[in-house]
């Protein structure tokens, strides 16, 4: 089929993917001056009365559901046209390909990268679940990579999605057989736990380069999914750490009551896996998974949404310092705020101890409220090995309005608390 020159206002640049019912193009949006991806249904898929109705419904589903989901790890829907003779949706362009390339022997990702990818999927799907959406077609082809060698992902293709709050009937046969949960195979009522199972299959494949169940025909494959226990990844790859075996096993439990009941449980176990000594993460880089869990556990960030925490991760710098290191020096100019992610530090003014900071506390926040670079009124010195999160004023200005609002609200709470404590100390003198 020849490449179309345009679709609506969009200039078609090249074909980047094609399936039995649709093609995906890289295109140029001249109005917004950006690359976009366009998924167009083939005309022959639309011409059949019965199948055309189903494919239009799936495309409308994708535009409606994904268009309402605003999350950094869900692909953004920008436009949609669904008519009798033409149907397409316009999405943000994610250039790194799909997870399919990483699910093959010889291309498998390192354990730390794999966990980050799956962790970000759990957070995106948890967000979708909280909006009442179950994806129903989680597989490597529907998980995009922002860059070929990175961990930043986008979940796409919500065409098969189910709105669990309102849908009382479900379209049978929707989904990819190898990734279907036993409940999906048996056409039982579904909830988010079917996506948990499917993501477990994706994790199994990224660990081993194989599917847990394989067969020459779909009937036999579906029977095995519904009735046979899944093998452990370590049975196919001996160096898979036990914590990852355990996560896959629980995600793929056939019994719903034994499977992960929430995305938070799945995420939590992935974060814990980083702390297991059998997984060599390395000290030179703190994984985004660990950063997210650290921020989520800090009182300062309790009102931040998941999307805002990913913003904070993107605009912050993370480092370690040894005992005795001066983290901030009295009298020097400063344009950044720091948080202690771990350890203790002492606050001193003219050599006199003012306060002891522990994990979760911030320091240097006054500089962010200054019109120019603020001058530090006290020094901060590491008492133990410390992990430090640094956010510069200029970086904070790039954050979204709601993210900055939560920062400023939390800073005001910190300042009010410290002022109250200082007043109490003065009153007791």
Protein backbone atom coordinates (compact mmCIF):
# COMPACT_ATOMS: atom_id res chain seq x y z
CA UNK A 1 0.00 0.00 0.00
CA UNK A 2 1.48 3.40 -0.95
CA UNK A 3 2.33 5.82 1.83
CA UNK A 4 -0.33 8.54 2.14
CA UNK A 5 0.96 12.11 1.90
CA UNK A 6 -1.34 13.42 4.63
CA UNK A 7 -3.96 12.39 7.13
CA UNK A 8 -6.05 15.44 7.93
CA UNK A 9 -3.63 18.24 8.84
CA UNK A 10 -0.78 15.81 9.55
CA UNK A 11 2.09 15.27 7.09
CA UNK A 12 3.06 11.58 6.88
CA UNK A 13 6.83 11.00 7.11
CA UNK A 14 7.24 7.21 7.25
CA UNK A 15 5.66 3.89 8.18
CA UNK A 16 6.90 2.73 11.60
CA UNK A 17 4.69 -0.32 12.20
CA UNK A 18 1.94 -2.37 10.62
CA UNK A 19 -0.48 -5.09 11.72
CA UNK A 20 -3.38 -7.02 10.25
CA UNK A 21 -5.89 -4.22 10.87
CA UNK A 22 -3.87 -1.01 11.19
CA UNK A 23 -0.70 0.88 10.34
CA UNK A 24 1.30 3.30 12.50
CA UNK A 25 2.99 6.30 10.87
CA UNK A 26 5.50 8.87 12.00
CA UNK A 27 3.95 12.22 11.06
CA UNK A 28 4.51 15.94 11.48
CA UNK A 29 2.02 18.23 13.17
CA UNK A 30 2.61 21.62 11.45
CA UNK A 31 0.34 23.52 13.84
CA UNK A 32 2.15 22.41 17.04
CA UNK A 33 5.52 21.92 15.30
CA UNK A 34 6.17 18.40 16.63
CA UNK A 35 6.45 14.77 15.60
CA UNK A 36 3.42 12.58 16.29
CA UNK A 37 2.49 8.94 15.78
CA UNK A 38 -0.73 8.14 13.90
CA UNK A 39 -2.47 4.78 14.13
CA UNK A 40 -4.81 4.31 11.14
CA UNK A 41 -7.20 1.43 10.56
CA UNK A 42 -6.83 -0.19 7.12
CA UNK A 43 -9.77 0.63 4.78
CA UNK A 44 -10.46 -3.09 4.27
CA UNK A 45 -10.80 -3.52 8.06
CA UNK A 46 -13.49 -0.84 8.05
CA UNK A 47 -15.36 -2.12 4.98
CA UNK A 48 -16.60 -5.33 6.62
CA UNK A 49 -19.88 -4.63 8.37
CA UNK A 50 -19.30 -6.72 11.53
CA UNK A 51 -15.55 -6.45 11.99
CA UNK A 52 -15.57 -2.78 10.98
CA UNK A 53 -17.99 -2.01 13.79
CA UNK A 54 -15.72 -3.82 16.30
CA UNK A 55 -12.54 -2.08 15.09
CA UNK A 56 -14.18 1.36 15.25
CA UNK A 57 -15.35 0.56 18.76
CA UNK A 58 -11.83 -0.45 19.84
CA UNK A 59 -10.31 2.68 18.31
CA UNK A 60 -12.92 4.89 19.99
CA UNK A 61 -12.21 3.04 23.23
CA UNK A 62 -8.51 3.79 22.91
CA UNK A 63 -9.10 7.48 22.22
CA UNK A 64 -11.65 7.82 25.03
CA UNK A 65 -9.83 5.93 27.77
CA UNK A 66 -6.23 6.88 27.08
CA UNK A 67 -7.28 10.46 26.37
CA UNK A 68 -8.56 10.76 29.94
CA UNK A 69 -5.44 9.22 31.51
CA UNK A 70 -2.80 11.87 32.12
CA UNK A 71 0.28 10.10 33.44
CA UNK A 72 3.98 10.28 32.51
CA UNK A 73 4.03 6.55 31.69
CA UNK A 74 0.86 6.38 29.60
CA UNK A 75 1.03 7.50 25.99
CA UNK A 76 -0.80 10.78 25.38
CA UNK A 77 -3.67 10.85 22.89
CA UNK A 78 -3.69 14.14 20.95
CA UNK A 79 -6.46 13.77 18.36
CA UNK A 80 -8.89 11.24 16.89
CA UNK A 81 -11.03 10.83 13.78
CA UNK A 82 -13.44 7.86 13.60
CA UNK A 83 -15.70 7.77 10.56
CA UNK A 84 -17.25 5.25 8.20
CA UNK A 85 -14.42 5.32 5.63
CA UNK A 86 -11.51 6.58 7.72
CA UNK A 87 -10.45 6.07 11.32
CA UNK A 88 -7.22 7.08 13.07
CA UNK A 89 -5.88 8.39 16.35
CA UNK A 90 -2.95 10.75 16.86
CA UNK A 91 -0.56 10.09 19.74
CA UNK A 92 2.66 11.47 21.16
CA UNK A 93 5.63 10.00 19.31
CA UNK A 94 7.73 7.65 21.50
CA UNK A 95 10.88 6.89 19.48
CA UNK A 96 12.55 4.00 21.34
CA UNK A 97 10.54 1.07 19.99
CA UNK A 98 8.72 -1.50 22.14
CA UNK A 99 9.67 -4.04 24.79
CA UNK A 100 9.46 -6.76 22.15
CA UNK A 101 13.13 -6.17 21.32
CA UNK A 102 14.12 -6.71 24.98
CA UNK A 103 12.10 -9.92 25.34
CA UNK A 104 14.41 -12.01 23.15
CA UNK A 105 17.36 -14.22 24.14
CA UNK A 106 20.55 -12.24 23.80
CA UNK A 107 18.73 -8.91 24.24
CA UNK A 108 17.38 -9.34 27.77
CA UNK A 109 17.76 -6.27 30.02
CA UNK A 110 19.86 -6.22 33.19
CA UNK A 111 17.91 -7.03 36.35
CA UNK A 112 17.95 -3.44 37.64
CA UNK A 113 16.71 -2.06 34.31
CA UNK A 114 14.02 -4.73 34.10
CA UNK A 115 12.71 -3.92 37.59
CA UNK A 116 12.57 -0.20 36.79
CA UNK A 117 10.57 -0.88 33.64
CA UNK A 118 8.08 -3.18 35.39
CA UNK A 119 7.88 -0.82 38.38
CA UNK A 120 6.89 2.10 36.14
CA UNK A 121 4.29 -0.11 34.47
CA UNK A 122 2.77 -0.92 37.88
CA UNK A 123 2.53 2.77 38.77
CA UNK A 124 0.91 3.67 35.43
CA UNK A 125 -1.56 0.79 35.64
CA UNK A 126 -2.35 1.63 39.26
CA UNK A 127 -3.19 5.17 38.13
CA UNK A 128 -5.43 3.77 35.36
CA UNK A 129 -7.12 1.45 37.86
CA UNK A 130 -7.86 4.38 40.15
CA UNK A 131 -9.59 6.04 37.20
CA UNK A 132 -11.68 2.88 36.75
CA UNK A 133 -9.75 1.54 33.73
CA UNK A 134 -8.45 -2.02 33.24
CA UNK A 135 -6.20 -2.35 30.17
CA UNK A 136 -6.81 -6.05 29.27
CA UNK A 137 -4.04 -6.28 26.66
CA UNK A 138 -0.74 -5.81 28.49
CA UNK A 139 2.11 -7.26 26.43
CA UNK A 140 5.60 -6.14 25.30
CA UNK A 141 4.25 -4.68 22.05
CA UNK A 142 2.04 -2.30 24.04
CA UNK A 143 4.86 -0.97 26.23
CA UNK A 144 6.95 1.68 24.46
CA UNK A 145 10.47 2.82 25.28
CA UNK A 146 11.29 6.53 25.21
CA UNK A 147 14.86 5.60 24.19
CA UNK A 148 16.17 2.17 23.08
CA UNK A 149 18.63 1.89 25.99
CA UNK A 150 16.60 3.58 28.73
CA UNK A 151 13.98 2.71 31.33
CA UNK A 152 11.44 5.45 30.61
CA UNK A 153 8.29 3.77 29.27
CA UNK A 154 4.81 4.57 27.94
CA UNK A 155 1.90 2.14 28.00
CA UNK A 156 -0.19 2.31 24.84
CA UNK A 157 -3.17 0.69 23.09
CA UNK A 158 -6.14 1.02 25.44
CA UNK A 159 -8.46 -0.23 22.68
CA UNK A 160 -9.37 -3.35 24.67
CA UNK A 161 -9.70 -1.42 27.93
CA UNK A 162 -12.62 -1.94 30.27
CA UNK A 163 -14.23 0.75 32.43
CA UNK A 164 -14.82 -1.35 35.53
CA UNK A 165 -17.14 1.20 37.13
CA UNK A 166 -19.71 1.12 34.32
CA UNK A 167 -19.15 -1.80 31.90
CA UNK A 168 -21.38 -4.74 32.76
CA UNK A 169 -20.62 -6.68 29.58
CA UNK A 170 -17.25 -7.50 28.09
CA UNK A 171 -16.25 -8.11 24.50
CA UNK A 172 -15.14 -11.73 24.29
CA UNK A 173 -11.89 -12.67 22.58
CA UNK A 174 -10.21 -9.31 23.16
CA UNK A 175 -6.56 -9.52 24.16
CA UNK A 176 -3.44 -11.47 23.19
CA UNK A 177 -3.76 -15.19 24.09
CA UNK A 178 -0.21 -15.71 25.43
CA UNK A 179 -0.64 -12.88 27.97
CA UNK A 180 -4.24 -13.58 29.03
CA UNK A 181 -5.00 -14.38 32.65
CA UNK A 182 -6.86 -17.62 33.50
CA UNK A 183 -9.92 -15.48 34.28
CA UNK A 184 -9.73 -13.85 30.84
CA UNK A 185 -9.38 -17.27 29.18
CA UNK A 186 -12.52 -18.48 30.98
CA UNK A 187 -14.38 -15.24 30.05
CA UNK A 188 -15.02 -14.45 33.72
CA UNK A 189 -15.71 -10.91 35.00
CA UNK A 190 -12.40 -9.04 35.09
CA UNK A 191 -10.75 -6.40 37.23
CA UNK A 192 -7.23 -4.97 37.56
CA UNK A 193 -5.87 -8.35 38.65
CA UNK A 194 -6.05 -9.58 35.06
CA UNK A 195 -3.53 -6.83 34.16
CA UNK A 196 -1.38 -7.87 37.14
CA UNK A 197 -1.23 -11.40 35.69
CA UNK A 198 -0.40 -10.14 32.20
CA UNK A 199 2.39 -7.91 33.52
CA UNK A 200 3.74 -10.97 35.36
CA UNK A 201 3.93 -12.74 32.00
CA UNK A 202 5.80 -9.75 30.52
CA UNK A 203 8.24 -9.84 33.45
CA UNK A 204 8.74 -13.61 32.94
CA UNK A 205 9.52 -13.00 29.27
CA UNK A 206 11.98 -10.18 30.02
CA UNK A 207 13.78 -12.47 32.47
CA UNK A 208 13.97 -15.56 30.26
CA UNK A 209 13.37 -14.59 26.63
CA UNK A 210 10.47 -17.09 26.56
CA UNK A 211 6.79 -17.20 27.40
CA UNK A 212 5.70 -19.25 30.42
CA UNK A 213 3.22 -21.18 28.25
CA UNK A 214 3.85 -22.03 24.60
CA UNK A 215 1.89 -24.22 22.19
CA UNK A 216 1.34 -24.90 18.50
CA UNK A 217 -2.28 -23.73 18.64
CA UNK A 218 -4.37 -21.29 20.65
CA UNK A 219 -6.71 -23.95 22.03
CA UNK A 220 -3.86 -25.86 23.66
CA UNK A 221 -2.24 -22.60 24.81
CA UNK A 222 -5.40 -21.36 26.51
CA UNK A 223 -5.92 -24.75 28.17
CA UNK A 224 -2.41 -24.63 29.64
CA UNK A 225 -2.90 -21.06 30.91
CA UNK A 226 -6.14 -22.05 32.62
CA UNK A 227 -4.99 -25.34 34.13
CA UNK A 228 -1.20 -25.78 34.37
CA UNK A 229 1.08 -24.14 36.96
CA UNK A 230 3.49 -21.63 35.45
CA UNK A 231 7.21 -22.46 35.66
CA UNK A 232 9.54 -20.19 37.62
CA UNK A 233 11.87 -17.96 35.59
CA UNK A 234 14.85 -19.57 37.37
CA UNK A 235 13.86 -22.93 35.86
CA UNK A 236 14.80 -21.45 32.48
CA UNK A 237 17.55 -19.10 33.63
CA UNK A 238 19.58 -20.19 36.64
CA UNK A 239 20.90 -16.74 37.62
CA UNK A 240 17.44 -15.20 38.19
CA UNK A 241 17.43 -14.01 41.84
CA UNK A 242 14.91 -15.60 44.21
CA UNK A 243 13.09 -12.28 44.90
CA UNK A 244 12.29 -11.92 41.18
CA UNK A 245 11.11 -15.54 41.03
CA UNK A 246 8.79 -14.81 43.95
CA UNK A 247 7.38 -11.64 42.35
CA UNK A 248 6.61 -13.39 39.06
CA UNK A 249 5.10 -16.38 40.88
CA UNK A 250 2.71 -14.19 42.89
CA UNK A 251 1.76 -11.99 39.93
CA UNK A 252 0.89 -15.12 37.90
CA UNK A 253 -1.05 -17.02 40.57
CA UNK A 254 -4.08 -18.68 38.99
CA UNK A 255 -6.07 -18.24 42.20
CA UNK A 256 -7.18 -14.59 42.38
CA UNK A 257 -6.97 -14.57 46.17
CA UNK A 258 -3.30 -15.61 46.05
CA UNK A 259 -2.35 -13.13 43.33
CA UNK A 260 -1.29 -9.56 44.17
CA UNK A 261 -4.48 -7.83 45.27
CA UNK A 262 -3.24 -4.29 44.56
CA UNK A 263 -0.73 -2.61 42.31
CA UNK A 264 0.83 -1.10 45.45
CA UNK A 265 1.76 -4.59 46.68
CA UNK A 266 3.35 -5.39 43.31
CA UNK A 267 5.28 -2.09 43.31
CA UNK A 268 6.42 -2.58 46.91
CA UNK A 269 7.92 -6.00 46.22
CA UNK A 270 9.75 -4.67 43.17
CA UNK A 271 11.26 -1.88 45.28
CA UNK A 272 12.31 -4.38 47.95
CA UNK A 273 14.02 -6.49 45.29
CA UNK A 274 16.57 -3.69 44.83
CA UNK A 275 17.63 -4.14 48.43
CA UNK A 276 18.24 -7.86 48.05
CA UNK A 277 21.97 -8.59 47.90
CA UNK A 278 21.55 -11.12 45.15
CA UNK A 279 20.65 -8.32 42.73
CA UNK A 280 23.71 -6.30 41.75
CA UNK A 281 22.36 -2.81 41.21
CA UNK A 282 25.64 -0.99 41.75
CA UNK A 283 26.32 2.10 43.85
CA UNK A 284 27.10 4.53 41.07
CA UNK A 285 23.45 5.03 40.15
CA UNK A 286 20.26 5.14 42.21
CA UNK A 287 17.43 3.47 40.24
CA UNK A 288 14.28 5.50 39.60
CA UNK A 289 12.31 2.78 41.40
CA UNK A 290 14.24 3.38 44.61
CA UNK A 291 13.94 7.15 44.19
CA UNK A 292 10.18 6.91 43.81
CA UNK A 293 9.77 4.73 46.90
CA UNK A 294 12.01 7.06 48.91
CA UNK A 295 9.99 10.14 47.97
CA UNK A 296 6.67 8.36 48.55
CA UNK A 297 7.78 7.52 52.09
CA UNK A 298 8.76 11.10 53.01
CA UNK A 299 6.12 13.21 54.83
CA UNK A 300 7.10 16.28 52.78
CA UNK A 301 5.80 14.59 49.60
CA UNK A 302 2.65 13.00 51.05
CA UNK A 303 0.25 15.15 48.95
CA UNK A 304 2.19 14.73 45.67
CA UNK A 305 0.58 12.52 43.03
CA UNK A 306 2.57 9.76 41.32
CA UNK A 307 2.95 11.95 38.22
CA UNK A 308 4.33 14.81 40.35
CA UNK A 309 6.81 12.47 42.06
CA UNK A 310 8.14 11.45 38.64
CA UNK A 311 8.53 15.19 37.93
CA UNK A 312 10.53 15.56 41.14
CA UNK A 313 12.77 12.64 40.13
CA UNK A 314 13.38 14.25 36.73
CA UNK A 315 14.35 17.66 38.13
CA UNK A 316 16.40 16.50 41.15
CA UNK A 317 19.99 15.36 41.68
CA UNK A 318 20.79 12.44 44.01
CA UNK A 319 24.14 11.94 45.71
CA UNK A 320 25.93 10.50 48.76
CA UNK A 321 28.32 12.16 51.23
CA UNK A 322 30.58 10.85 53.98
CA UNK A 323 30.56 11.96 57.65
CA UNK A 324 32.11 15.40 58.13
CA UNK A 325 31.18 16.68 54.66
CA UNK A 326 29.90 20.28 54.71
CA UNK A 327 26.68 20.17 52.73
CA UNK A 328 25.90 23.89 53.08
CA UNK A 329 28.16 26.62 54.41
CA UNK A 330 27.09 29.61 56.48
CA UNK A 331 27.45 32.92 54.65
CA UNK A 332 27.61 31.44 51.15
CA UNK A 333 25.03 32.15 48.44
CA UNK A 334 22.68 29.32 47.57
CA UNK A 335 19.92 28.69 45.05
CA UNK A 336 18.91 25.15 45.93
CA UNK A 337 17.13 23.10 48.58
CA UNK A 338 18.23 19.70 49.87
CA UNK A 339 16.45 16.73 51.44
CA UNK A 340 18.04 14.00 53.50
CA UNK A 341 17.02 10.69 51.95
CA UNK A 342 19.07 8.79 54.55
CA UNK A 343 21.41 9.50 57.46
CA UNK A 344 21.80 12.41 59.88
CA UNK A 345 23.22 15.93 59.58
CA UNK A 346 23.92 18.74 62.08
CA UNK A 347 22.87 22.36 61.61
CA UNK A 348 25.33 24.86 63.12
CA UNK A 349 25.50 28.66 63.34
CA UNK A 350 28.84 30.21 64.30
CA UNK A 351 29.91 26.78 65.49
CA UNK A 352 26.92 26.35 67.80
CA UNK A 353 24.63 23.35 67.29
CA UNK A 354 21.10 24.45 66.33
CA UNK A 355 19.46 21.24 65.16
CA UNK A 356 19.95 17.62 64.10
CA UNK A 357 18.34 16.66 60.79
CA UNK A 358 17.20 13.10 60.07
CA UNK A 359 15.97 11.25 56.99
CA UNK A 360 13.01 12.98 55.33
CA UNK A 361 13.88 16.52 56.46
CA UNK A 362 14.82 19.40 54.18
CA UNK A 363 17.30 22.24 54.55
CA UNK A 364 18.16 25.36 52.56
CA UNK A 365 14.54 25.98 51.60
CA UNK A 366 14.66 29.70 52.46
CA UNK A 367 16.82 30.31 49.37
CA UNK A 368 13.89 29.34 47.13
CA UNK A 369 11.79 32.19 48.52
CA UNK A 370 14.48 34.81 47.89
CA UNK A 371 14.24 37.13 44.90
CA UNK A 372 17.95 36.59 44.29
CA UNK A 373 20.24 33.83 45.49
CA UNK A 374 19.79 33.61 49.25
CA UNK A 375 22.69 33.68 51.68
CA UNK A 376 22.93 30.65 53.94
CA UNK A 377 22.29 31.58 57.56
CA UNK A 378 23.76 28.34 58.94
CA UNK A 379 26.01 25.44 58.00
CA UNK A 380 24.87 21.85 57.53
CA UNK A 381 27.38 19.03 58.07
CA UNK A 382 26.93 15.28 57.54
CA UNK A 383 27.03 13.42 60.86
CA UNK A 384 26.80 9.98 59.22
CA UNK A 385 26.86 8.65 55.68
CA UNK A 386 24.03 10.57 54.04
CA UNK A 387 21.99 10.38 50.87
CA UNK A 388 21.03 13.83 49.59
CA UNK A 389 18.37 14.99 47.14
CA UNK A 390 19.16 18.40 45.63
CA UNK A 391 16.63 20.56 43.78
CA UNK A 392 17.75 23.84 42.25
CA UNK A 393 15.44 26.86 42.07
CA UNK A 394 15.76 27.06 38.29
CA UNK A 395 14.80 23.37 37.93
CA UNK A 396 11.78 23.86 40.19
CA UNK A 397 10.54 26.64 37.92
CA UNK A 398 10.27 24.07 35.12
CA UNK A 399 7.89 21.90 37.15
CA UNK A 400 4.14 21.90 36.50
CA UNK A 401 1.99 24.43 38.35
CA UNK A 402 0.42 21.79 40.62
CA UNK A 403 3.80 20.30 41.44
CA UNK A 404 5.20 23.73 42.41
CA UNK A 405 2.06 24.44 44.44
CA UNK A 406 2.62 21.27 46.48
CA UNK A 407 6.27 22.23 46.98
CA UNK A 408 5.43 25.69 48.27
CA UNK A 409 2.63 24.41 50.50
CA UNK A 410 4.96 21.80 52.03
CA UNK A 411 7.74 24.40 52.50
CA UNK A 412 5.34 26.71 54.33
CA UNK A 413 4.39 23.82 56.64
CA UNK A 414 8.09 23.20 57.34
CA UNK A 415 8.74 26.88 58.05
CA UNK A 416 5.67 27.16 60.31
CA UNK A 417 6.72 24.09 62.29
CA UNK A 418 10.26 25.35 62.74
CA UNK A 419 9.03 28.79 63.78
CA UNK A 420 6.72 27.20 66.34
CA UNK A 421 9.57 25.07 67.76
CA UNK A 422 11.88 28.12 67.90
CA UNK A 423 9.20 30.11 69.77
CA UNK A 424 8.76 27.28 72.25
CA UNK A 425 12.52 27.12 72.90
CA UNK A 426 12.70 30.89 73.45
CA UNK A 427 9.73 30.76 75.85
CA UNK A 428 11.56 28.12 77.93
CA UNK A 429 14.76 30.16 78.27
